[in-house]
């Protein structure tokens, strides 16, 4: 075989939301990533808080993949902010991630959102990427998770 690339006749289309494309890309990348990560499977994780009336007061969505937990979204309703729900949501997600065998947790936030919040939970800033509208940055955080409570740091039972 030569080093030439064989090109298939194809067309390129640019558009807006494409649910079929998103589903297919997710399937293809999940299969590729699972194979590259020795069979580690991505599992969704969510934490929800509701008020006395049953209305959503806050929530968190994330995923775990082998030993990694990544927080996608964290939100607390305006009237519930600064009442500790953000920390409780994150601690609940962290506990579940540890239960699932995760050793690391990552999250990003915009510079106008909560970059001072995550260090209070033990996260370390790892990167700032400029280019967010309004002159803001995307701020990336990482935290090494503790071993499960019934194990020591080297995996031995307590």
C-alpha atoms as a PDB file:
ATOM      1  CA  UNK A   1       0.000   0.000   0.000  1.00  0.00           C
ATOM      2  CA  UNK A   2       1.274   3.468  -0.821  1.00  0.00           C
ATOM      3  CA  UNK A   3       1.286   6.495   1.415  1.00  0.00           C
ATOM      4  CA  UNK A   4      -1.473   8.050  -0.690  1.00  0.00           C
ATOM      5  CA  UNK A   5      -4.766   8.741   1.016  1.00  0.00           C
ATOM      6  CA  UNK A   6      -7.858   7.466  -0.748  1.00  0.00           C
ATOM      7  CA  UNK A   7     -10.598  10.057  -0.727  1.00  0.00           C
ATOM      8  CA  UNK A   8     -14.254   9.153  -0.993  1.00  0.00           C
ATOM      9  CA  UNK A   9     -16.543  11.568  -2.786  1.00  0.00           C
ATOM     10  CA  UNK A  10     -18.421  13.370  -0.040  1.00  0.00           C
ATOM     11  CA  UNK A  11     -20.262  16.556   0.741  1.00  0.00           C
ATOM     12  CA  UNK A  12     -19.852  19.003   3.593  1.00  0.00           C
ATOM     13  CA  UNK A  13     -22.866  20.629   5.240  1.00  0.00           C
ATOM     14  CA  UNK A  14     -22.791  23.316   7.918  1.00  0.00           C
ATOM     15  CA  UNK A  15     -25.909  23.912  10.002  1.00  0.00           C
ATOM     16  CA  UNK A  16     -27.384  24.292  13.440  1.00  0.00           C
ATOM     17  CA  UNK A  17     -28.452  21.621  15.887  1.00  0.00           C
ATOM     18  CA  UNK A  18     -28.263  18.138  14.387  1.00  0.00           C
ATOM     19  CA  UNK A  19     -29.573  15.525  16.835  1.00  0.00           C
ATOM     20  CA  UNK A  20     -28.778  12.592  14.536  1.00  0.00           C
ATOM     21  CA  UNK A  21     -25.204  13.770  14.059  1.00  0.00           C
ATOM     22  CA  UNK A  22     -24.743  14.322  17.791  1.00  0.00           C
ATOM     23  CA  UNK A  23     -26.072  10.828  18.575  1.00  0.00           C
ATOM     24  CA  UNK A  24     -23.825   9.190  15.979  1.00  0.00           C
ATOM     25  CA  UNK A  25     -20.720  11.112  17.070  1.00  0.00           C
ATOM     26  CA  UNK A  26     -21.419  10.194  20.685  1.00  0.00           C
ATOM     27  CA  UNK A  27     -21.724   6.506  19.747  1.00  0.00           C
ATOM     28  CA  UNK A  28     -18.562   6.528  17.633  1.00  0.00           C
ATOM     29  CA  UNK A  29     -16.438   8.440  20.147  1.00  0.00           C
ATOM     30  CA  UNK A  30     -17.728   6.404  23.071  1.00  0.00           C
ATOM     31  CA  UNK A  31     -16.724   3.177  21.294  1.00  0.00           C
ATOM     32  CA  UNK A  32     -13.301   4.597  20.420  1.00  0.00           C
ATOM     33  CA  UNK A  33     -12.698   5.954  23.934  1.00  0.00           C
ATOM     34  CA  UNK A  34     -13.873   2.754  25.612  1.00  0.00           C
ATOM     35  CA  UNK A  35     -11.427   0.723  23.540  1.00  0.00           C
ATOM     36  CA  UNK A  36      -8.580   3.161  24.254  1.00  0.00           C
ATOM     37  CA  UNK A  37      -9.315   3.102  28.005  1.00  0.00           C
ATOM     38  CA  UNK A  38      -9.231  -0.676  28.440  1.00  0.00           C
ATOM     39  CA  UNK A  39     -13.001  -1.017  28.416  1.00  0.00           C
ATOM     40  CA  UNK A  40     -13.833   1.800  30.858  1.00  0.00           C
ATOM     41  CA  UNK A  41     -17.460   2.776  30.333  1.00  0.00           C
ATOM     42  CA  UNK A  42     -18.919   6.257  30.714  1.00  0.00           C
ATOM     43  CA  UNK A  43     -21.754   6.442  33.244  1.00  0.00           C
ATOM     44  CA  UNK A  44     -23.942   9.503  33.886  1.00  0.00           C
ATOM     45  CA  UNK A  45     -24.114  10.993  37.385  1.00  0.00           C
ATOM     46  CA  UNK A  46     -26.632  13.532  38.646  1.00  0.00           C
ATOM     47  CA  UNK A  47     -27.478  15.175  41.948  1.00  0.00           C
ATOM     48  CA  UNK A  48     -30.722  17.101  42.444  1.00  0.00           C
ATOM     49  CA  UNK A  49     -32.019  19.292  45.261  1.00  0.00           C
ATOM     50  CA  UNK A  50     -35.686  20.225  45.519  1.00  0.00           C
ATOM     51  CA  UNK A  51     -37.403  22.649  47.853  1.00  0.00           C
ATOM     52  CA  UNK A  52     -40.393  21.968  50.123  1.00  0.00           C
ATOM     53  CA  UNK A  53     -42.767  22.485  47.187  1.00  0.00           C
ATOM     54  CA  UNK A  54     -40.902  19.940  45.089  1.00  0.00           C
ATOM     55  CA  UNK A  55     -39.448  22.603  42.768  1.00  0.00           C
ATOM     56  CA  UNK A  56     -35.886  22.330  41.546  1.00  0.00           C
ATOM     57  CA  UNK A  57     -33.589  24.405  43.763  1.00  0.00           C
ATOM     58  CA  UNK A  58     -30.319  23.202  42.228  1.00  0.00           C
ATOM     59  CA  UNK A  59     -28.564  20.370  40.550  1.00  0.00           C
ATOM     60  CA  UNK A  60     -25.431  18.903  39.109  1.00  0.00           C
ATOM     61  CA  UNK A  61     -24.783  16.708  36.096  1.00  0.00           C
ATOM     62  CA  UNK A  62     -21.556  14.822  35.552  1.00  0.00           C
ATOM     63  CA  UNK A  63     -20.164  11.577  34.216  1.00  0.00           C
ATOM     64  CA  UNK A  64     -17.689   9.012  35.385  1.00  0.00           C
ATOM     65  CA  UNK A  65     -15.331   7.160  33.081  1.00  0.00           C
ATOM     66  CA  UNK A  66     -13.093   4.639  34.749  1.00  0.00           C
ATOM     67  CA  UNK A  67     -11.225   6.594  37.415  1.00  0.00           C
ATOM     68  CA  UNK A  68     -12.285  10.062  36.172  1.00  0.00           C
ATOM     69  CA  UNK A  69     -15.324  12.126  37.156  1.00  0.00           C
ATOM     70  CA  UNK A  70     -16.137  15.221  35.114  1.00  0.00           C
ATOM     71  CA  UNK A  71     -18.741  17.763  36.219  1.00  0.00           C
ATOM     72  CA  UNK A  72     -20.672  19.156  33.258  1.00  0.00           C
ATOM     73  CA  UNK A  73     -23.112  21.529  34.927  1.00  0.00           C
ATOM     74  CA  UNK A  74     -23.724  22.879  38.432  1.00  0.00           C
ATOM     75  CA  UNK A  75     -26.566  25.310  39.086  1.00  0.00           C
ATOM     76  CA  UNK A  76     -28.308  26.688  42.164  1.00  0.00           C
ATOM     77  CA  UNK A  77     -31.481  28.777  41.926  1.00  0.00           C
ATOM     78  CA  UNK A  78     -30.955  32.500  42.674  1.00  0.00           C
ATOM     79  CA  UNK A  79     -32.885  32.489  45.946  1.00  0.00           C
ATOM     80  CA  UNK A  80     -30.867  29.490  47.200  1.00  0.00           C
ATOM     81  CA  UNK A  81     -27.382  30.750  46.306  1.00  0.00           C
ATOM     82  CA  UNK A  82     -24.921  31.328  49.158  1.00  0.00           C
ATOM     83  CA  UNK A  83     -26.817  28.861  51.342  1.00  0.00           C
ATOM     84  CA  UNK A  84     -24.357  25.992  50.910  1.00  0.00           C
ATOM     85  CA  UNK A  85     -26.135  24.019  48.198  1.00  0.00           C
ATOM     86  CA  UNK A  86     -23.285  24.281  45.691  1.00  0.00           C
ATOM     87  CA  UNK A  87     -20.870  22.663  48.134  1.00  0.00           C
ATOM     88  CA  UNK A  88     -23.373  20.000  49.122  1.00  0.00           C
ATOM     89  CA  UNK A  89     -24.051  19.142  45.490  1.00  0.00           C
ATOM     90  CA  UNK A  90     -20.326  18.881  44.754  1.00  0.00           C
ATOM     91  CA  UNK A  91     -19.615  16.805  47.874  1.00  0.00           C
ATOM     92  CA  UNK A  92     -22.454  14.419  47.005  1.00  0.00           C
ATOM     93  CA  UNK A  93     -21.091  14.012  43.465  1.00  0.00           C
ATOM     94  CA  UNK A  94     -17.575  13.503  44.826  1.00  0.00           C
ATOM     95  CA  UNK A  95     -18.785  10.830  47.259  1.00  0.00           C
ATOM     96  CA  UNK A  96     -20.553   9.002  44.446  1.00  0.00           C
ATOM     97  CA  UNK A  97     -17.490   9.310  42.215  1.00  0.00           C
ATOM     98  CA  UNK A  98     -15.305   7.791  44.954  1.00  0.00           C
ATOM     99  CA  UNK A  99     -17.880   5.028  45.440  1.00  0.00           C
ATOM    100  CA  UNK A 100     -17.590   4.310  41.700  1.00  0.00           C
ATOM    101  CA  UNK A 101     -13.802   4.065  41.975  1.00  0.00           C
ATOM    102  CA  UNK A 102     -12.812   7.506  40.699  1.00  0.00           C
ATOM    103  CA  UNK A 103      -9.469   8.954  41.726  1.00  0.00           C
ATOM    104  CA  UNK A 104      -9.739  12.303  39.927  1.00  0.00           C
ATOM    105  CA  UNK A 105     -12.418  14.938  39.369  1.00  0.00           C
ATOM    106  CA  UNK A 106     -12.433  17.807  36.869  1.00  0.00           C
ATOM    107  CA  UNK A 107     -14.672  20.801  36.294  1.00  0.00           C
ATOM    108  CA  UNK A 108     -14.547  24.042  34.334  1.00  0.00           C
ATOM    109  CA  UNK A 109     -16.263  27.347  34.943  1.00  0.00           C
ATOM    110  CA  UNK A 110     -16.235  30.731  33.284  1.00  0.00           C
ATOM    111  CA  UNK A 111     -14.382  33.541  35.009  1.00  0.00           C
ATOM    112  CA  UNK A 112     -17.708  35.337  35.600  1.00  0.00           C
ATOM    113  CA  UNK A 113     -19.263  32.266  37.253  1.00  0.00           C
ATOM    114  CA  UNK A 114     -17.509  30.495  40.125  1.00  0.00           C
ATOM    115  CA  UNK A 115     -13.704  30.360  39.816  1.00  0.00           C
ATOM    116  CA  UNK A 116     -13.290  31.201  43.522  1.00  0.00           C
ATOM    117  CA  UNK A 117     -15.758  28.483  44.595  1.00  0.00           C
ATOM    118  CA  UNK A 118     -13.921  25.339  43.459  1.00  0.00           C
ATOM    119  CA  UNK A 119     -10.658  25.962  45.368  1.00  0.00           C
ATOM    120  CA  UNK A 120     -12.717  26.041  48.591  1.00  0.00           C
ATOM    121  CA  UNK A 121     -13.561  22.393  47.835  1.00  0.00           C
ATOM    122  CA  UNK A 122      -9.952  21.370  47.299  1.00  0.00           C
ATOM    123  CA  UNK A 123      -9.751  21.854  43.525  1.00  0.00           C
ATOM    124  CA  UNK A 124      -6.617  23.316  41.956  1.00  0.00           C
ATOM    125  CA  UNK A 125      -6.752  25.592  38.957  1.00  0.00           C
ATOM    126  CA  UNK A 126      -4.987  23.968  36.005  1.00  0.00           C
ATOM    127  CA  UNK A 127      -5.649  26.297  33.052  1.00  0.00           C
ATOM    128  CA  UNK A 128      -7.331  29.494  31.873  1.00  0.00           C
ATOM    129  CA  UNK A 129      -8.379  29.766  28.268  1.00  0.00           C
ATOM    130  CA  UNK A 130      -9.239  33.240  26.935  1.00  0.00           C
ATOM    131  CA  UNK A 131     -11.764  33.920  24.217  1.00  0.00           C
ATOM    132  CA  UNK A 132     -15.036  33.694  26.124  1.00  0.00           C
ATOM    133  CA  UNK A 133     -17.408  36.473  25.004  1.00  0.00           C
ATOM    134  CA  UNK A 134     -17.189  39.638  27.099  1.00  0.00           C
ATOM    135  CA  UNK A 135     -13.452  39.250  27.660  1.00  0.00           C
ATOM    136  CA  UNK A 136     -13.862  36.324  30.053  1.00  0.00           C
ATOM    137  CA  UNK A 137     -11.951  33.049  30.386  1.00  0.00           C
ATOM    138  CA  UNK A 138     -12.784  29.356  30.703  1.00  0.00           C
ATOM    139  CA  UNK A 139     -11.141  28.166  33.936  1.00  0.00           C
ATOM    140  CA  UNK A 140     -10.263  24.475  34.412  1.00  0.00           C
ATOM    141  CA  UNK A 141      -9.929  22.750  37.792  1.00  0.00           C
ATOM    142  CA  UNK A 142      -8.727  19.332  38.964  1.00  0.00           C
ATOM    143  CA  UNK A 143      -8.933  17.493  42.262  1.00  0.00           C
ATOM    144  CA  UNK A 144      -7.317  14.242  43.316  1.00  0.00           C
ATOM    145  CA  UNK A 145      -9.980  12.272  45.183  1.00  0.00           C
ATOM    146  CA  UNK A 146      -9.369  10.448  48.459  1.00  0.00           C
ATOM    147  CA  UNK A 147      -9.604   6.657  48.550  1.00  0.00           C
ATOM    148  CA  UNK A 148     -12.887   5.155  49.763  1.00  0.00           C
ATOM    149  CA  UNK A 149     -13.277   5.432  53.555  1.00  0.00           C
ATOM    150  CA  UNK A 150     -12.830   1.680  54.030  1.00  0.00           C
ATOM    151  CA  UNK A 151      -9.403   1.760  52.324  1.00  0.00           C
ATOM    152  CA  UNK A 152      -6.096   3.490  52.929  1.00  0.00           C
ATOM    153  CA  UNK A 153      -4.317   5.484  50.196  1.00  0.00           C
ATOM    154  CA  UNK A 154      -2.545   2.318  48.996  1.00  0.00           C
ATOM    155  CA  UNK A 155      -5.799   0.346  48.720  1.00  0.00           C
ATOM    156  CA  UNK A 156      -5.510  -1.733  51.892  1.00  0.00           C
ATOM    157  CA  UNK A 157      -8.502  -2.159  54.210  1.00  0.00           C
ATOM    158  CA  UNK A 158      -8.606   0.104  57.252  1.00  0.00           C
END
